[in-house]
PDB file of N, CA and C in Angstrom:
ATOM      1  N   UNK A   1     -16.177  -8.132  -5.558  1.00  0.00           N
ATOM      2  CA  UNK A   1     -14.662  -7.999  -4.543  1.00  0.00           C
ATOM      3  C   UNK A   1     -14.768  -6.181  -4.174  1.00  0.00           C
ATOM      4  N   UNK A   2     -14.905  -5.814  -4.978  1.00  0.00           N
ATOM      5  CA  UNK A   2     -14.651  -4.289  -4.139  1.00  0.00           C
ATOM      6  C   UNK A   2     -16.236  -4.032  -4.197  1.00  0.00           C
ATOM      7  N   UNK A   3     -16.658  -4.013  -2.626  1.00  0.00           N
ATOM      8  CA  UNK A   3     -18.181  -3.462  -2.166  1.00  0.00           C
ATOM      9  C   UNK A   3     -17.943  -2.565  -1.870  1.00  0.00           C
ATOM     10  N   UNK A   4     -17.122  -1.986  -0.584  1.00  0.00           N
ATOM     11  CA  UNK A   4     -17.350  -1.779   0.102  1.00  0.00           C
ATOM     12  C   UNK A   4     -15.949   0.070  -0.061  1.00  0.00           C
ATOM     13  N   UNK A   5     -16.585   1.377   0.628  1.00  0.00           N
ATOM     14  CA  UNK A   5     -15.685   2.656   0.513  1.00  0.00           C
ATOM     15  C   UNK A   5     -13.776   2.440   1.195  1.00  0.00           C
ATOM     16  N   UNK A   6     -14.523   0.910   2.059  1.00  0.00           N
ATOM     17  CA  UNK A   6     -13.184   0.461   2.627  1.00  0.00           C
ATOM     18  C   UNK A   6     -11.947  -0.322   1.727  1.00  0.00           C
ATOM     19  N   UNK A   7     -12.639  -1.025   0.776  1.00  0.00           N
ATOM     20  CA  UNK A   7     -12.589  -1.796  -0.359  1.00  0.00           C
ATOM     21  C   UNK A   7     -11.365  -1.147  -0.978  1.00  0.00           C
ATOM     22  N   UNK A   8     -12.494   0.123  -1.275  1.00  0.00           N
ATOM     23  CA  UNK A   8     -11.368   0.958  -2.974  1.00  0.00           C
ATOM     24  C   UNK A   8     -10.292   1.344  -2.064  1.00  0.00           C
ATOM     25  N   UNK A   9     -10.215   1.924  -0.657  1.00  0.00           N
ATOM     26  CA  UNK A   9      -9.048   3.016   0.091  1.00  0.00           C
ATOM     27  C   UNK A   9      -7.933   2.210   0.036  1.00  0.00           C
ATOM     28  N   UNK A  10      -8.431   0.845   0.060  1.00  0.00           N
ATOM     29  CA  UNK A  10      -6.807  -0.226   0.548  1.00  0.00           C
ATOM     30  C   UNK A  10      -6.642  -0.514  -0.953  1.00  0.00           C
ATOM     31  N   UNK A  11      -7.426  -0.693  -2.034  1.00  0.00           N
ATOM     32  CA  UNK A  11      -6.897  -0.704  -3.235  1.00  0.00           C
ATOM     33  C   UNK A  11      -6.150   0.024  -3.723  1.00  0.00           C
ATOM     34  N   UNK A  12      -6.934   1.690  -4.036  1.00  0.00           N
ATOM     35  CA  UNK A  12      -6.130   2.742  -4.127  1.00  0.00           C
ATOM     36  C   UNK A  12      -4.880   3.068  -3.366  1.00  0.00           C
ATOM     37  N   UNK A  13      -4.745   2.714  -1.902  1.00  0.00           N
ATOM     38  CA  UNK A  13      -3.246   3.035  -1.439  1.00  0.00           C
ATOM     39  C   UNK A  13      -2.246   1.770  -1.450  1.00  0.00           C
ATOM     40  N   UNK A  14      -2.549   0.870  -1.847  1.00  0.00           N
ATOM     41  CA  UNK A  14      -1.806  -0.652  -2.150  1.00  0.00           C
ATOM     42  C   UNK A  14      -1.355  -0.596  -3.783  1.00  0.00           C
ATOM     43  N   UNK A  15      -2.417   0.325  -4.654  1.00  0.00           N
ATOM     44  CA  UNK A  15      -2.197   0.351  -5.878  1.00  0.00           C
ATOM     45  C   UNK A  15      -0.990   1.920  -6.123  1.00  0.00           C
ATOM     46  N   UNK A  16      -1.035   2.807  -5.050  1.00  0.00           N
ATOM     47  CA  UNK A  16      -0.279   3.889  -5.858  1.00  0.00           C
ATOM     48  C   UNK A  16       0.844   3.818  -4.998  1.00  0.00           C
ATOM     49  N   UNK A  17       0.704   2.997  -3.944  1.00  0.00           N
ATOM     50  CA  UNK A  17       1.963   2.887  -3.381  1.00  0.00           C
ATOM     51  C   UNK A  17       3.132   1.893  -3.805  1.00  0.00           C
ATOM     52  N   UNK A  18       2.714   1.296  -4.915  1.00  0.00           N
ATOM     53  CA  UNK A  18       3.592   0.194  -5.755  1.00  0.00           C
ATOM     54  C   UNK A  18       3.411   0.782  -7.084  1.00  0.00           C
ATOM     55  N   UNK A  19       2.927   1.590  -7.540  1.00  0.00           N
ATOM     56  CA  UNK A  19       3.134   2.694  -8.345  1.00  0.00           C
ATOM     57  C   UNK A  19       4.613   3.759  -7.928  1.00  0.00           C
ATOM     58  N   UNK A  20       4.249   4.244  -7.070  1.00  0.00           N
ATOM     59  CA  UNK A  20       5.547   5.100  -6.456  1.00  0.00           C
ATOM     60  C   UNK A  20       6.909   4.314  -6.307  1.00  0.00           C
ATOM     61  N   UNK A  21       6.724   3.325  -5.935  1.00  0.00           N
ATOM     62  CA  UNK A  21       7.944   2.325  -5.213  1.00  0.00           C
ATOM     63  C   UNK A  21       8.287   2.134  -6.787  1.00  0.00           C
ATOM     64  N   UNK A  22       7.472   1.825  -7.757  1.00  0.00           N
ATOM     65  CA  UNK A  22       8.260   1.084  -9.112  1.00  0.00           C
ATOM     66  C   UNK A  22       9.124   2.136  -9.716  1.00  0.00           C
ATOM     67  N   UNK A  23       7.819   3.656  -9.205  1.00  0.00           N
ATOM     68  CA  UNK A  23       9.244   4.898 -10.102  1.00  0.00           C
ATOM     69  C   UNK A  23      10.201   5.091  -9.513  1.00  0.00           C
ATOM     70  N   UNK A  24      10.636   4.968  -8.435  1.00  0.00           N
ATOM     71  CA  UNK A  24      11.444   4.775  -7.950  1.00  0.00           C
ATOM     72  C   UNK A  24      12.523   4.606  -7.995  1.00  0.00           C
ATOM     73  N   UNK A  25      12.208   3.179  -7.420  1.00  0.00           N
ATOM     74  CA  UNK A  25      13.424   1.817  -8.226  1.00  0.00           C
ATOM     75  C   UNK A  25      13.958   2.047  -9.952  1.00  0.00           C
ATOM     76  N   UNK A  26      13.360   2.381 -10.493  1.00  0.00           N
ATOM     77  CA  UNK A  26      13.358   2.009 -12.115  1.00  0.00           C
ATOM     78  C   UNK A  26      14.276   3.547 -12.292  1.00  0.00           C
ATOM     79  N   UNK A  27      13.406   4.540 -11.221  1.00  0.00           N
ATOM     80  CA  UNK A  27      14.438   5.787 -12.044  1.00  0.00           C
ATOM     81  C   UNK A  27      15.812   5.795 -11.562  1.00  0.00           C
ATOM     82  N   UNK A  28      16.009   5.247  -9.708  1.00  0.00           N
ATOM     83  CA  UNK A  28      17.386   5.238  -9.199  1.00  0.00           C
ATOM     84  C   UNK A  28      18.594   4.162 -10.493  1.00  0.00           C
ATOM     85  N   UNK A  29      17.721   2.664 -10.397  1.00  0.00           N
ATOM     86  CA  UNK A  29      18.567   2.161 -11.510  1.00  0.00           C
ATOM     87  C   UNK A  29      18.652   2.253 -12.203  1.00  0.00           C
ATOM     88  N   UNK A  30      18.055   3.634 -13.472  1.00  0.00           N
ATOM     89  CA  UNK A  30      18.507   4.083 -14.263  1.00  0.00           C
ATOM     90  C   UNK A  30      19.433   5.204 -14.199  1.00  0.00           C
ATOM     91  N   UNK A  31      19.998   5.738 -13.152  1.00  0.00           N
ATOM     92  CA  UNK A  31      20.426   6.569 -13.081  1.00  0.00           C
ATOM     93  C   UNK A  31      21.992   6.024 -12.512  1.00  0.00           C
ATOM     94  N   UNK A  32      21.988   4.791 -11.472  1.00  0.00           N
ATOM     95  CA  UNK A  32      22.780   3.964 -11.436  1.00  0.00           C
ATOM     96  C   UNK A  32      23.576   3.749 -12.872  1.00  0.00           C
ATOM     97  N   UNK A  33      22.699   3.265 -13.492  1.00  0.00           N
ATOM     98  CA  UNK A  33      23.110   2.555 -14.806  1.00  0.00           C
ATOM     99  C   UNK A  33      24.271   3.191 -15.677  1.00  0.00           C
ATOM    100  N   UNK A  34      23.258   4.504 -15.896  1.00  0.00           N
ATOM    101  CA  UNK A  34      23.900   5.660 -16.648  1.00  0.00           C
ATOM    102  C   UNK A  34      24.967   6.101 -16.528  1.00  0.00           C
ATOM    103  N   UNK A  35      24.951   6.446 -14.950  1.00  0.00           N
ATOM    104  CA  UNK A  35      25.933   6.844 -14.021  1.00  0.00           C
ATOM    105  C   UNK A  35      27.458   5.946 -13.901  1.00  0.00           C
ATOM    106  N   UNK A  36      26.882   4.533 -13.946  1.00  0.00           N
ATOM    107  CA  UNK A  36      28.171   3.251 -13.497  1.00  0.00           C
ATOM    108  C   UNK A  36      28.401   3.530 -12.233  1.00  0.00           C
ATOM    109  N   UNK A  37      27.468   3.569 -10.834  1.00  0.00           N
ATOM    110  CA  UNK A  37      27.718   3.837 -10.126  1.00  0.00           C
ATOM    111  C   UNK A  37      26.153   2.459  -9.596  1.00  0.00           C
ATOM    112  N   UNK A  38      27.401   1.687  -8.224  1.00  0.00           N
ATOM    113  CA  UNK A  38      25.958   1.150  -7.783  1.00  0.00           C
ATOM    114  C   UNK A  38      24.610   1.677  -6.990  1.00  0.00           C
ATOM    115  N   UNK A  39      23.633   0.853  -7.094  1.00  0.00           N
ATOM    116  CA  UNK A  39      22.125   1.206  -6.876  1.00  0.00           C
ATOM    117  C   UNK A  39      22.491   1.577  -5.014  1.00  0.00           C
ATOM    118  N   UNK A  40      21.293   3.077  -4.808  1.00  0.00           N
ATOM    119  CA  UNK A  40      21.786   3.627  -3.440  1.00  0.00           C
ATOM    120  C   UNK A  40      21.216   2.666  -2.176  1.00  0.00           C
ATOM    121  N   UNK A  41      21.798   2.132  -1.686  1.00  0.00           N
ATOM    122  CA  UNK A  41      21.274   1.419  -0.807  1.00  0.00           C
ATOM    123  C   UNK A  41      20.258   1.900   0.067  1.00  0.00           C
ATOM    124  N   UNK A  42      19.803   3.800   0.267  1.00  0.00           N
ATOM    125  CA  UNK A  42      18.850   4.170   0.588  1.00  0.00           C
ATOM    126  C   UNK A  42      17.274   3.432   0.231  1.00  0.00           C
ATOM    127  N   UNK A  43      17.494   3.398  -1.099  1.00  0.00           N
ATOM    128  CA  UNK A  43      16.321   3.098  -2.140  1.00  0.00           C
ATOM    129  C   UNK A  43      15.960   1.413  -1.747  1.00  0.00           C
ATOM    130  N   UNK A  44      17.264   0.538  -1.317  1.00  0.00           N
ATOM    131  CA  UNK A  44      16.864  -0.540  -1.113  1.00  0.00           C
ATOM    132  C   UNK A  44      16.328  -1.235  -0.161  1.00  0.00           C
ATOM    133  N   UNK A  45      16.378   0.160   0.863  1.00  0.00           N
ATOM    134  CA  UNK A  45      16.025   0.503   2.196  1.00  0.00           C
ATOM    135  C   UNK A  45      14.646   0.520   2.396  1.00  0.00           C
ATOM    136  N   UNK A  46      14.521   1.692   1.628  1.00  0.00           N
ATOM    137  CA  UNK A  46      13.215   2.045   1.253  1.00  0.00           C
ATOM    138  C   UNK A  46      11.945   1.034   0.777  1.00  0.00           C
ATOM    139  N   UNK A  47      12.375   0.446   0.128  1.00  0.00           N
ATOM    140  CA  UNK A  47      11.667  -1.151  -0.401  1.00  0.00           C
ATOM    141  C   UNK A  47      11.822  -1.904   0.712  1.00  0.00           C
ATOM    142  N   UNK A  48      12.282  -2.016   1.319  1.00  0.00           N
ATOM    143  CA  UNK A  48      12.384  -2.991   2.231  1.00  0.00           C
ATOM    144  C   UNK A  48      11.111  -2.698   2.994  1.00  0.00           C
ATOM    145  N   UNK A  49      11.306  -1.408   3.825  1.00  0.00           N
ATOM    146  CA  UNK A  49      10.272  -1.055   4.719  1.00  0.00           C
ATOM    147  C   UNK A  49       8.816  -0.786   4.249  1.00  0.00           C
ATOM    148  N   UNK A  50       8.905  -0.214   2.811  1.00  0.00           N
ATOM    149  CA  UNK A  50       7.115  -0.102   2.190  1.00  0.00           C
ATOM    150  C   UNK A  50       7.074  -1.068   2.299  1.00  0.00           C
ATOM    151  N   UNK A  51       7.721  -2.256   1.703  1.00  0.00           N
ATOM    152  CA  UNK A  51       6.851  -3.427   1.509  1.00  0.00           C
ATOM    153  C   UNK A  51       6.682  -4.083   2.891  1.00  0.00           C
ATOM    154  N   UNK A  52       7.242  -4.015   4.077  1.00  0.00           N
ATOM    155  CA  UNK A  52       6.947  -4.464   5.736  1.00  0.00           C
ATOM    156  C   UNK A  52       6.026  -3.319   5.700  1.00  0.00           C
ATOM    157  N   UNK A  53       5.591  -2.440   5.282  1.00  0.00           N
ATOM    158  CA  UNK A  53       4.207  -1.814   5.785  1.00  0.00           C
ATOM    159  C   UNK A  53       3.335  -1.827   5.013  1.00  0.00           C
ATOM    160  N   UNK A  54       3.684  -2.434   3.984  1.00  0.00           N
ATOM    161  CA  UNK A  54       2.107  -2.508   3.035  1.00  0.00           C
ATOM    162  C   UNK A  54       1.491  -3.814   3.377  1.00  0.00           C
ATOM    163  N   UNK A  55       2.207  -4.282   3.725  1.00  0.00           N
ATOM    164  CA  UNK A  55       1.983  -5.915   3.944  1.00  0.00           C
ATOM    165  C   UNK A  55       1.198  -6.138   5.503  1.00  0.00           C
ATOM    166  N   UNK A  56       1.676  -5.183   6.630  1.00  0.00           N
ATOM    167  CA  UNK A  56       0.940  -4.972   7.584  1.00  0.00           C
ATOM    168  C   UNK A  56      -0.407  -4.183   7.540  1.00  0.00           C
ATOM    169  N   UNK A  57      -0.252  -3.376   6.539  1.00  0.00           N
ATOM    170  CA  UNK A  57      -1.594  -3.218   6.357  1.00  0.00           C
ATOM    171  C   UNK A  57      -2.906  -3.624   5.836  1.00  0.00           C
ATOM    172  N   UNK A  58      -2.621  -4.452   4.829  1.00  0.00           N
ATOM    173  CA  UNK A  58      -3.138  -6.021   4.043  1.00  0.00           C
ATOM    174  C   UNK A  58      -3.366  -6.704   4.667  1.00  0.00           C
ATOM    175  N   UNK A  59      -2.789  -7.190   5.750  1.00  0.00           N
ATOM    176  CA  UNK A  59      -2.989  -8.185   6.763  1.00  0.00           C
ATOM    177  C   UNK A  59      -3.535  -7.622   7.971  1.00  0.00           C
ATOM    178  N   UNK A  60      -3.675  -6.904   8.293  1.00  0.00           N
ATOM    179  CA  UNK A  60      -4.427  -6.229   9.450  1.00  0.00           C
ATOM    180  C   UNK A  60      -6.200  -5.865   8.836  1.00  0.00           C
ATOM    181  N   UNK A  61      -6.026  -5.337   7.501  1.00  0.00           N
ATOM    182  CA  UNK A  61      -7.222  -5.437   6.958  1.00  0.00           C
ATOM    183  C   UNK A  61      -8.051  -6.846   6.705  1.00  0.00           C
ATOM    184  N   UNK A  62      -7.422  -7.496   6.014  1.00  0.00           N
ATOM    185  CA  UNK A  62      -7.326  -9.158   6.037  1.00  0.00           C
ATOM    186  C   UNK A  62      -8.278  -9.840   7.245  1.00  0.00           C
ATOM    187  N   UNK A  63      -7.621  -9.400   8.170  1.00  0.00           N
ATOM    188  CA  UNK A  63      -7.826 -10.300   9.526  1.00  0.00           C
ATOM    189  C   UNK A  63      -8.968  -9.728  10.010  1.00  0.00           C
ATOM    190  N   UNK A  64      -9.324  -8.210   9.908  1.00  0.00           N
ATOM    191  CA  UNK A  64     -10.786  -7.925  10.062  1.00  0.00           C
ATOM    192  C   UNK A  64     -11.702  -8.406   9.227  1.00  0.00           C
ATOM    193  N   UNK A  65     -11.491  -9.361   8.470  1.00  0.00           N
ATOM    194  CA  UNK A  65     -12.477  -9.779   7.023  1.00  0.00           C
ATOM    195  C   UNK A  65     -12.492  -9.373   6.204  1.00  0.00           C
ATOM    196  N   UNK A  66     -12.188  -7.786   6.211  1.00  0.00           N
ATOM    197  CA  UNK A  66     -12.618  -6.991   5.365  1.00  0.00           C
ATOM    198  C   UNK A  66     -13.981  -5.700   5.322  1.00  0.00           C
ATOM    199  N   UNK A  67     -14.483  -6.108   7.413  1.00  0.00           N
ATOM    200  CA  UNK A  67     -15.376  -5.847   7.350  1.00  0.00           C
ATOM    201  C   UNK A  67     -15.272  -4.373   8.263  1.00  0.00           C
ATOM    202  N   UNK A  68     -15.887  -3.210   8.177  1.00  0.00           N
ATOM    203  CA  UNK A  68     -15.990  -2.551   9.145  1.00  0.00           C
ATOM    204  C   UNK A  68     -17.085  -2.298  10.224  1.00  0.00           C
ATOM    205  N   UNK A  69     -16.193  -1.937  11.026  1.00  0.00           N
ATOM    206  CA  UNK A  69     -16.709  -2.452  12.713  1.00  0.00           C
ATOM    207  C   UNK A  69     -17.147  -0.766  13.123  1.00  0.00           C
ATOM    208  N   UNK A  70     -17.768  -1.179  14.386  1.00  0.00           N
ATOM    209  CA  UNK A  70     -17.665   0.404  15.467  1.00  0.00           C
ATOM    210  C   UNK A  70     -19.150   1.418  15.617  1.00  0.00           C
ATOM    211  N   UNK A  71     -19.728   0.724  14.835  1.00  0.00           N
ATOM    212  CA  UNK A  71     -21.399   1.134  14.471  1.00  0.00           C
ATOM    213  C   UNK A  71     -22.146   0.273  14.575  1.00  0.00           C
ATOM    214  N   UNK A  72     -23.075  -0.045  15.611  1.00  0.00           N
ATOM    215  CA  UNK A  72     -24.418  -0.178  15.343  1.00  0.00           C
ATOM    216  C   UNK A  72     -25.625  -0.376  15.165  1.00  0.00           C
ATOM    217  N   UNK A  73     -25.380   0.742  14.929  1.00  0.00           N
ATOM    218  CA  UNK A  73     -27.217   1.180  14.407  1.00  0.00           C
ATOM    219  C   UNK A  73     -27.758   0.337  12.902  1.00  0.00           C
ATOM    220  N   UNK A  74     -28.186   0.043  12.897  1.00  0.00           N
ATOM    221  CA  UNK A  74     -28.314  -0.473  11.585  1.00  0.00           C
ATOM    222  C   UNK A  74     -29.085   0.173  10.746  1.00  0.00           C
ATOM    223  N   UNK A  75     -29.869   1.227  10.780  1.00  0.00           N
ATOM    224  CA  UNK A  75     -30.126   2.199  10.006  1.00  0.00           C
ATOM    225  C   UNK A  75     -29.342   3.526   9.395  1.00  0.00           C
ATOM    226  N   UNK A  76     -28.183   2.959  10.269  1.00  0.00           N
ATOM    227  CA  UNK A  76     -27.169   4.007   9.886  1.00  0.00           C
ATOM    228  C   UNK A  76     -26.306   3.585   8.328  1.00  0.00           C
ATOM    229  N   UNK A  77     -26.282   4.999   7.690  1.00  0.00           N
ATOM    230  CA  UNK A  77     -25.783   4.845   6.170  1.00  0.00           C
ATOM    231  C   UNK A  77     -23.823   5.116   6.109  1.00  0.00           C
ATOM    232  N   UNK A  78     -23.322   4.614   7.509  1.00  0.00           N
ATOM    233  CA  UNK A  78     -22.414   4.923   6.933  1.00  0.00           C
ATOM    234  C   UNK A  78     -21.161   3.778   7.278  1.00  0.00           C
ATOM    235  N   UNK A  79     -22.097   2.208   6.958  1.00  0.00           N
ATOM    236  CA  UNK A  79     -21.263   0.900   6.641  1.00  0.00           C
ATOM    237  C   UNK A  79     -20.721   0.709   7.402  1.00  0.00           C
ATOM    238  N   UNK A  80     -21.299   0.837   9.143  1.00  0.00           N
ATOM    239  CA  UNK A  80     -20.003   0.513  10.193  1.00  0.00           C
ATOM    240  C   UNK A  80     -19.164   1.123  10.318  1.00  0.00           C
ATOM    241  N   UNK A  81     -18.538   2.046  10.294  1.00  0.00           N
ATOM    242  CA  UNK A  81     -17.406   2.428  10.174  1.00  0.00           C
ATOM    243  C   UNK A  81     -17.264   3.495  11.859  1.00  0.00           C
TER     244      UNK A  81
END
Protein backbone atom coordinates (compact mmCIF):
# COMPACT_ATOMS: atom_id res chain seq x y z
CA UNK A 1 0.00 0.00 0.00
CA UNK A 2 2.53 2.62 1.13
CA UNK A 3 5.62 1.95 -0.95
CA UNK A 4 7.12 5.26 -1.98
CA UNK A 5 7.87 8.57 -0.33
CA UNK A 6 5.16 10.14 -2.48
CA UNK A 7 2.60 7.74 -0.95
CA UNK A 8 3.70 8.77 2.53
CA UNK A 9 3.47 12.47 1.71
CA UNK A 10 -0.09 12.13 0.38
CA UNK A 11 -1.15 10.05 3.39
CA UNK A 12 0.35 12.48 5.92
CA UNK A 13 -1.14 15.46 4.10
CA UNK A 14 -4.64 13.99 4.00
CA UNK A 15 -4.57 12.78 7.61
CA UNK A 16 -3.15 16.08 8.84
CA UNK A 17 -5.78 18.09 7.00
CA UNK A 18 -8.60 15.92 8.32
CA UNK A 19 -7.22 16.23 11.86
CA UNK A 20 -6.95 20.01 11.57
CA UNK A 21 -10.44 20.34 10.10
CA UNK A 22 -11.85 18.11 12.83
CA UNK A 23 -10.29 20.23 15.57
CA UNK A 24 -11.58 23.46 14.00
CA UNK A 25 -15.07 22.05 13.46
CA UNK A 26 -15.44 20.48 16.90
CA UNK A 27 -14.09 23.64 18.51
CA UNK A 28 -16.53 25.90 16.68
CA UNK A 29 -19.48 23.59 17.35
CA UNK A 30 -18.53 23.48 21.04
CA UNK A 31 -18.25 27.27 21.28
CA UNK A 32 -21.51 27.82 19.40
CA UNK A 33 -23.31 25.35 21.70
CA UNK A 34 -21.81 26.90 24.85
CA UNK A 35 -22.67 30.45 23.80
CA UNK A 36 -26.03 29.58 22.27
CA UNK A 37 -25.24 31.09 18.89
CA UNK A 38 -25.42 29.59 15.38
CA UNK A 39 -22.42 27.90 13.84
CA UNK A 40 -20.10 30.35 12.11
CA UNK A 41 -20.69 30.32 8.36
CA UNK A 42 -16.97 30.82 7.64
CA UNK A 43 -16.20 27.45 9.28
CA UNK A 44 -18.70 25.71 7.01
CA UNK A 45 -17.19 27.51 4.01
CA UNK A 46 -13.69 26.45 5.14
CA UNK A 47 -14.82 22.82 5.30
CA UNK A 48 -16.32 22.97 1.80
CA UNK A 49 -13.23 24.54 0.27
CA UNK A 50 -10.75 22.29 2.08
CA UNK A 51 -12.59 19.10 1.16
CA UNK A 52 -12.84 20.21 -2.46
CA UNK A 53 -9.11 20.93 -2.51
CA UNK A 54 -8.05 17.67 -0.93
CA UNK A 55 -10.32 15.72 -3.28
CA UNK A 56 -8.55 17.43 -6.18
CA UNK A 57 -5.11 16.59 -4.83
CA UNK A 58 -5.97 12.96 -4.15
CA UNK A 59 -7.72 12.62 -7.53
CA UNK A 60 -4.63 13.96 -9.27
CA UNK A 61 -2.50 11.49 -7.37
CA UNK A 62 -4.81 8.60 -8.23
CA UNK A 63 -4.98 9.65 -11.90
CA UNK A 64 -1.20 9.54 -12.10
CA UNK A 65 -1.38 5.96 -10.88
CA UNK A 66 0.65 6.87 -7.83
CA UNK A 67 3.77 6.77 -9.96
CA UNK A 68 6.34 9.52 -9.96
CA UNK A 69 7.49 10.66 -13.37
CA UNK A 70 10.14 12.85 -14.87
CA UNK A 71 13.36 10.90 -14.40
CA UNK A 72 14.36 8.47 -17.15
CA UNK A 73 17.63 7.36 -15.58
CA UNK A 74 17.26 3.69 -14.52
CA UNK A 75 20.26 4.01 -12.13
CA UNK A 76 18.85 7.04 -10.32
CA UNK A 77 17.84 6.65 -6.68
CA UNK A 78 15.29 9.51 -6.79
CA UNK A 79 12.34 7.17 -7.42
CA UNK A 80 11.47 8.87 -10.69
CA UNK A 81 10.75 12.32 -9.26
